Amino acid sequence: MGVKAQKYGGPVSKNYFIMKKMNELGITQKYNGYYFLIDILDMLMNEYPVIRSFSREIYPVIAKKYNINQAIIERDIRNVIKRLWEPVLKNKFKQFWTKDTLPSCCKFIYLIKNYLIMEIA
């Protein structure tokens, strides 16, 4: 299933679109949480539109896929937030996140999901 993204000249795969947008945000492959975020965002945009608990519904699926502990997933996503929030992401998401604190992993993921949805439209 493709995404209609005119910037890319037509339909592209969702994973490619997510990867491209994350790279534009500064979230690159050098961060361990990069691949976890791609998989989580893909799941949110396709299979799980509403999540009650990431630790019960999403993290176990990703942990099983990569054969790691769920705590590693959350730690690596938190690392992305800590390293990129102030220099890059805070300005991108200032209309959605007005607090002076860092967003939690779940809120950060939803910020990116909403950003992706706005870019698709």
N, C-alpha and C. Protein backbone atom coordinates (compact mmCIF):
# COMPACT_ATOMS: atom_id res chain seq x y z
N MET A 1 0.84 -1.18 0.00
CA MET A 1 0.00 0.00 0.00
C MET A 1 0.89 1.24 0.00
N GLY A 2 0.69 2.11 -0.92
CA GLY A 2 1.54 3.28 -1.05
C GLY A 2 0.92 4.53 -0.47
N VAL A 3 1.73 5.52 -0.27
CA VAL A 3 1.31 6.82 0.22
C VAL A 3 1.42 7.80 -0.93
N LYS A 4 0.40 8.60 -1.13
CA LYS A 4 0.45 9.61 -2.19
C LYS A 4 1.23 10.80 -1.66
N ALA A 5 2.45 10.92 -2.05
CA ALA A 5 3.31 12.02 -1.61
C ALA A 5 3.84 12.72 -2.84
N GLN A 6 3.32 13.89 -3.12
CA GLN A 6 3.67 14.60 -4.34
C GLN A 6 5.13 15.02 -4.36
N LYS A 7 5.72 15.24 -3.19
CA LYS A 7 7.12 15.64 -3.15
C LYS A 7 8.03 14.57 -3.75
N TYR A 8 7.55 13.32 -3.74
CA TYR A 8 8.36 12.22 -4.25
C TYR A 8 7.91 11.76 -5.63
N GLY A 9 7.00 12.50 -6.24
CA GLY A 9 6.60 12.21 -7.61
C GLY A 9 5.58 11.11 -7.75
N GLY A 10 4.87 10.74 -6.72
CA GLY A 10 3.84 9.71 -6.82
C GLY A 10 3.83 8.82 -5.61
N PRO A 11 3.17 7.67 -5.73
CA PRO A 11 3.06 6.77 -4.59
C PRO A 11 4.42 6.19 -4.19
N VAL A 12 4.67 6.17 -2.91
CA VAL A 12 5.88 5.54 -2.38
C VAL A 12 5.48 4.64 -1.23
N SER A 13 6.35 3.73 -0.86
CA SER A 13 6.02 2.84 0.24
C SER A 13 5.98 3.62 1.54
N LYS A 14 5.16 3.17 2.48
CA LYS A 14 5.04 3.86 3.77
C LYS A 14 6.36 3.85 4.52
N ASN A 15 7.07 2.73 4.50
CA ASN A 15 8.34 2.68 5.21
C ASN A 15 9.33 3.69 4.64
N TYR A 16 9.37 3.81 3.34
CA TYR A 16 10.28 4.78 2.72
C TYR A 16 9.88 6.20 3.13
N PHE A 17 8.59 6.47 3.11
CA PHE A 17 8.09 7.79 3.50
C PHE A 17 8.46 8.10 4.95
N ILE A 18 8.25 7.14 5.85
CA ILE A 18 8.58 7.33 7.27
C ILE A 18 10.08 7.56 7.43
N MET A 19 10.90 6.75 6.76
CA MET A 19 12.35 6.90 6.86
C MET A 19 12.81 8.26 6.34
N LYS A 20 12.26 8.68 5.23
CA LYS A 20 12.63 9.95 4.62
C LYS A 20 12.29 11.11 5.55
N LYS A 21 11.10 11.10 6.11
CA LYS A 21 10.67 12.18 7.01
C LYS A 21 11.47 12.18 8.30
N MET A 22 11.79 11.01 8.82
CA MET A 22 12.60 10.94 10.04
C MET A 22 13.99 11.48 9.78
N ASN A 23 14.55 11.17 8.62
CA ASN A 23 15.87 11.72 8.27
C ASN A 23 15.82 13.24 8.16
N GLU A 24 14.72 13.76 7.62
CA GLU A 24 14.57 15.21 7.54
C GLU A 24 14.49 15.85 8.92
N LEU A 25 13.95 15.11 9.90
CA LEU A 25 13.87 15.60 11.27
C LEU A 25 15.20 15.46 12.02
N GLY A 26 16.15 14.76 11.43
CA GLY A 26 17.44 14.55 12.08
C GLY A 26 17.55 13.23 12.80
N ILE A 27 16.50 12.43 12.74
CA ILE A 27 16.51 11.11 13.36
C ILE A 27 17.06 10.15 12.31
N THR A 28 18.32 9.78 12.45
CA THR A 28 18.99 8.98 11.44
C THR A 28 19.38 7.61 11.96
N GLN A 29 20.01 6.84 11.11
CA GLN A 29 20.41 5.47 11.43
C GLN A 29 21.47 5.39 12.51
N LYS A 30 22.12 6.48 12.82
CA LYS A 30 23.16 6.42 13.85
C LYS A 30 22.58 6.23 15.26
N TYR A 31 21.27 6.44 15.39
CA TYR A 31 20.61 6.22 16.68
C TYR A 31 19.97 4.84 16.70
N ASN A 32 20.19 4.11 17.79
CA ASN A 32 19.62 2.76 17.89
C ASN A 32 18.10 2.77 17.84
N GLY A 33 17.47 3.84 18.33
CA GLY A 33 16.02 3.91 18.33
C GLY A 33 15.41 4.16 16.98
N TYR A 34 16.21 4.44 15.98
CA TYR A 34 15.73 4.75 14.62
C TYR A 34 14.84 3.64 14.07
N TYR A 35 15.32 2.42 14.09
CA TYR A 35 14.57 1.32 13.51
C TYR A 35 13.34 0.97 14.35
N PHE A 36 13.46 1.12 15.66
CA PHE A 36 12.31 0.89 16.52
C PHE A 36 11.21 1.90 16.20
N LEU A 37 11.60 3.16 16.03
CA LEU A 37 10.63 4.20 15.71
C LEU A 37 9.95 3.95 14.36
N ILE A 38 10.71 3.51 13.38
CA ILE A 38 10.13 3.21 12.06
C ILE A 38 9.07 2.12 12.19
N ASP A 39 9.42 1.05 12.90
CA ASP A 39 8.47 -0.05 13.05
C ASP A 39 7.24 0.38 13.85
N ILE A 40 7.44 1.14 14.91
CA ILE A 40 6.32 1.60 15.73
C ILE A 40 5.41 2.51 14.93
N LEU A 41 6.00 3.45 14.21
CA LEU A 41 5.19 4.37 13.41
C LEU A 41 4.44 3.64 12.31
N ASP A 42 5.07 2.67 11.70
CA ASP A 42 4.41 1.87 10.68
C ASP A 42 3.21 1.13 11.29
N MET A 43 3.40 0.57 12.48
CA MET A 43 2.30 -0.12 13.15
C MET A 43 1.17 0.84 13.50
N LEU A 44 1.51 2.02 13.98
CA LEU A 44 0.49 3.00 14.36
C LEU A 44 -0.29 3.49 13.16
N MET A 45 0.37 3.64 12.04
CA MET A 45 -0.30 4.16 10.86
C MET A 45 -1.09 3.08 10.12
N ASN A 46 -0.81 1.81 10.39
CA ASN A 46 -1.50 0.73 9.70
C ASN A 46 -2.42 -0.09 10.59
N GLU A 47 -1.83 -0.71 11.61
CA GLU A 47 -2.56 -1.73 12.36
C GLU A 47 -3.18 -1.23 13.66
N TYR A 48 -2.52 -0.32 14.33
CA TYR A 48 -2.95 0.12 15.66
C TYR A 48 -3.19 1.63 15.67
N PRO A 49 -4.33 2.10 15.19
CA PRO A 49 -4.53 3.56 15.17
C PRO A 49 -4.60 4.18 16.56
N VAL A 50 -5.12 3.43 17.55
CA VAL A 50 -5.20 3.94 18.92
C VAL A 50 -4.56 2.92 19.85
N ILE A 51 -3.66 3.40 20.68
CA ILE A 51 -2.95 2.53 21.62
C ILE A 51 -3.29 2.96 23.04
N ARG A 52 -3.61 2.01 23.88
CA ARG A 52 -3.84 2.32 25.29
C ARG A 52 -2.55 2.24 26.08
N SER A 53 -1.72 1.28 25.74
CA SER A 53 -0.48 1.09 26.47
C SER A 53 0.61 0.58 25.53
N PHE A 54 1.62 1.40 25.34
CA PHE A 54 2.73 0.99 24.47
C PHE A 54 3.43 -0.23 25.06
N SER A 55 3.59 -0.24 26.38
CA SER A 55 4.33 -1.33 27.01
C SER A 55 3.59 -2.66 26.92
N ARG A 56 2.29 -2.65 26.69
CA ARG A 56 1.54 -3.89 26.58
C ARG A 56 1.23 -4.29 25.14
N GLU A 57 1.12 -3.30 24.26
CA GLU A 57 0.65 -3.60 22.91
C GLU A 57 1.73 -3.48 21.83
N ILE A 58 2.62 -2.51 21.95
CA ILE A 58 3.58 -2.24 20.88
C ILE A 58 4.97 -2.79 21.20
N TYR A 59 5.50 -2.43 22.36
CA TYR A 59 6.86 -2.83 22.70
C TYR A 59 7.07 -4.35 22.66
N PRO A 60 6.11 -5.17 23.12
CA PRO A 60 6.34 -6.62 23.03
C PRO A 60 6.51 -7.13 21.59
N VAL A 61 5.76 -6.54 20.66
CA VAL A 61 5.87 -6.96 19.25
C VAL A 61 7.24 -6.59 18.70
N ILE A 62 7.70 -5.37 18.99
CA ILE A 62 9.01 -4.92 18.51
C ILE A 62 10.12 -5.72 19.19
N ALA A 63 9.98 -5.96 20.49
CA ALA A 63 11.00 -6.72 21.23
C ALA A 63 11.14 -8.13 20.67
N LYS A 64 10.03 -8.74 20.33
CA LYS A 64 10.07 -10.08 19.75
C LYS A 64 10.74 -10.07 18.38
N LYS A 65 10.43 -9.04 17.58
CA LYS A 65 11.02 -8.94 16.25
C LYS A 65 12.54 -8.85 16.30
N TYR A 66 13.06 -8.05 17.23
CA TYR A 66 14.51 -7.84 17.33
C TYR A 66 15.18 -8.73 18.37
N ASN A 67 14.37 -9.55 19.04
CA ASN A 67 14.87 -10.46 20.07
C ASN A 67 15.65 -9.72 21.17
N ILE A 68 15.01 -8.68 21.71
CA ILE A 68 15.61 -7.88 22.77
C ILE A 68 14.57 -7.63 23.86
N ASN A 69 15.02 -7.01 24.93
CA ASN A 69 14.15 -6.66 26.04
C ASN A 69 13.38 -5.37 25.71
N GLN A 70 12.15 -5.26 26.21
CA GLN A 70 11.34 -4.08 25.97
C GLN A 70 11.98 -2.80 26.53
N ALA A 71 12.71 -2.94 27.62
CA ALA A 71 13.35 -1.77 28.23
C ALA A 71 14.39 -1.15 27.30
N ILE A 72 15.02 -1.96 26.47
CA ILE A 72 16.01 -1.45 25.52
C ILE A 72 15.33 -0.56 24.49
N ILE A 73 14.16 -0.94 24.06
CA ILE A 73 13.43 -0.14 23.07
C ILE A 73 13.13 1.24 23.63
N GLU A 74 12.57 1.27 24.83
CA GLU A 74 12.22 2.55 25.43
C GLU A 74 13.47 3.39 25.72
N ARG A 75 14.54 2.75 26.17
CA ARG A 75 15.79 3.47 26.44
C ARG A 75 16.35 4.11 25.17
N ASP A 76 16.33 3.37 24.07
CA ASP A 76 16.88 3.89 22.82
C ASP A 76 16.03 5.02 22.24
N ILE A 77 14.72 4.92 22.39
CA ILE A 77 13.85 6.02 21.94
C ILE A 77 14.07 7.25 22.82
N ARG A 78 14.20 7.04 24.12
CA ARG A 78 14.47 8.15 25.04
C ARG A 78 15.81 8.82 24.70
N ASN A 79 16.77 8.04 24.27
CA ASN A 79 18.07 8.58 23.87
C ASN A 79 17.92 9.50 22.65
N VAL A 80 17.11 9.11 21.69
CA VAL A 80 16.85 9.96 20.53
C VAL A 80 16.24 11.28 20.99
N ILE A 81 15.27 11.20 21.89
CA ILE A 81 14.60 12.41 22.38
C ILE A 81 15.61 13.32 23.07
N LYS A 82 16.42 12.77 23.96
CA LYS A 82 17.39 13.58 24.72
C LYS A 82 18.40 14.27 23.81
N ARG A 83 18.86 13.56 22.81
CA ARG A 83 19.90 14.12 21.94
C ARG A 83 19.39 15.12 20.90
N LEU A 84 18.14 14.95 20.45
CA LEU A 84 17.66 15.77 19.35
C LEU A 84 16.58 16.79 19.72
N TRP A 85 16.03 16.73 20.92
CA TRP A 85 14.91 17.61 21.23
C TRP A 85 15.30 19.08 21.17
N GLU A 86 16.28 19.48 21.95
CA GLU A 86 16.66 20.89 22.01
C GLU A 86 17.22 21.42 20.68
N PRO A 87 18.20 20.74 20.09
CA PRO A 87 18.80 21.34 18.89
C PRO A 87 17.92 21.31 17.64
N VAL A 88 17.02 20.31 17.53
CA VAL A 88 16.32 20.15 16.25
C VAL A 88 14.80 20.09 16.40
N LEU A 89 14.34 19.18 17.21
CA LEU A 89 12.92 18.83 17.21
C LEU A 89 12.02 19.81 17.94
N LYS A 90 12.53 20.51 18.92
CA LYS A 90 11.70 21.42 19.69
C LYS A 90 11.04 22.47 18.80
N ASN A 91 11.78 23.02 17.85
CA ASN A 91 11.22 24.02 16.94
C ASN A 91 10.21 23.41 15.96
N LYS A 92 10.45 22.18 15.52
CA LYS A 92 9.54 21.53 14.59
C LYS A 92 8.18 21.26 15.22
N PHE A 93 8.19 20.92 16.52
CA PHE A 93 6.97 20.50 17.19
C PHE A 93 6.44 21.53 18.18
N LYS A 94 6.89 22.78 18.09
CA LYS A 94 6.48 23.78 19.08
C LYS A 94 4.99 24.06 19.06
N GLN A 95 4.32 23.86 17.93
CA GLN A 95 2.88 24.08 17.90
C GLN A 95 2.12 22.95 18.59
N PHE A 96 2.74 21.78 18.72
CA PHE A 96 2.08 20.64 19.36
C PHE A 96 2.52 20.44 20.80
N TRP A 97 3.76 20.83 21.11
CA TRP A 97 4.32 20.59 22.44
C TRP A 97 4.80 21.91 23.01
N THR A 98 4.03 22.47 23.92
CA THR A 98 4.33 23.80 24.46
C THR A 98 5.01 23.74 25.83
N LYS A 99 5.16 22.57 26.39
CA LYS A 99 5.80 22.43 27.70
C LYS A 99 7.31 22.60 27.58
N ASP A 100 7.94 22.96 28.70
CA ASP A 100 9.39 23.12 28.71
C ASP A 100 10.11 21.80 28.94
N THR A 101 9.40 20.76 29.29
CA THR A 101 10.01 19.47 29.56
C THR A 101 10.10 18.64 28.28
N LEU A 102 10.90 17.61 28.35
CA LEU A 102 10.98 16.67 27.23
C LEU A 102 9.71 15.83 27.19
N PRO A 103 9.23 15.47 26.01
CA PRO A 103 8.06 14.58 25.94
C PRO A 103 8.46 13.15 26.33
N SER A 104 7.50 12.40 26.82
CA SER A 104 7.74 10.99 27.09
C SER A 104 7.88 10.26 25.76
N CYS A 105 8.30 9.01 25.81
CA CYS A 105 8.45 8.23 24.58
C CYS A 105 7.13 8.14 23.82
N CYS A 106 6.05 7.86 24.52
CA CYS A 106 4.74 7.72 23.88
C CYS A 106 4.30 9.03 23.24
N LYS A 107 4.44 10.12 23.95
CA LYS A 107 4.03 11.42 23.42
C LYS A 107 4.91 11.82 22.24
N PHE A 108 6.19 11.50 22.31
CA PHE A 108 7.11 11.78 21.22
C PHE A 108 6.70 11.00 19.96
N ILE A 109 6.35 9.75 20.14
CA ILE A 109 5.93 8.92 19.01
C ILE A 109 4.67 9.49 18.38
N TYR A 110 3.73 9.92 19.21
CA TYR A 110 2.50 10.51 18.67
C TYR A 110 2.77 11.85 17.99
N LEU A 111 3.75 12.61 18.48
CA LEU A 111 4.12 13.86 17.81
C LEU A 111 4.61 13.57 16.39
N ILE A 112 5.48 12.57 16.27
CA ILE A 112 5.99 12.21 14.96
C ILE A 112 4.87 11.66 14.07
N LYS A 113 4.01 10.84 14.66
CA LYS A 113 2.88 10.28 13.88
C LYS A 113 2.02 11.41 13.33
N ASN A 114 1.67 12.38 14.16
CA ASN A 114 0.85 13.51 13.71
C ASN A 114 1.57 14.32 12.64
N TYR A 115 2.88 14.49 12.80
CA TYR A 115 3.67 15.19 11.80
C TYR A 115 3.62 14.45 10.45
N LEU A 116 3.75 13.14 10.50
CA LEU A 116 3.70 12.33 9.27
C LEU A 116 2.33 12.42 8.61
N ILE A 117 1.29 12.37 9.41
CA ILE A 117 -0.06 12.45 8.86
C ILE A 117 -0.28 13.81 8.19
N MET A 118 0.21 14.88 8.80
CA MET A 118 0.09 16.20 8.20
C MET A 118 0.87 16.29 6.89
N GLU A 119 2.01 15.62 6.81
CA GLU A 119 2.81 15.63 5.59
C GLU A 119 2.16 14.84 4.46
N ILE A 120 1.40 13.83 4.82
CA ILE A 120 0.72 13.02 3.81
C ILE A 120 -0.41 13.81 3.18
N ALA A 121 -1.13 14.55 4.01
CA ALA A 121 -2.32 15.27 3.54
C ALA A 121 -2.01 16.38 2.58
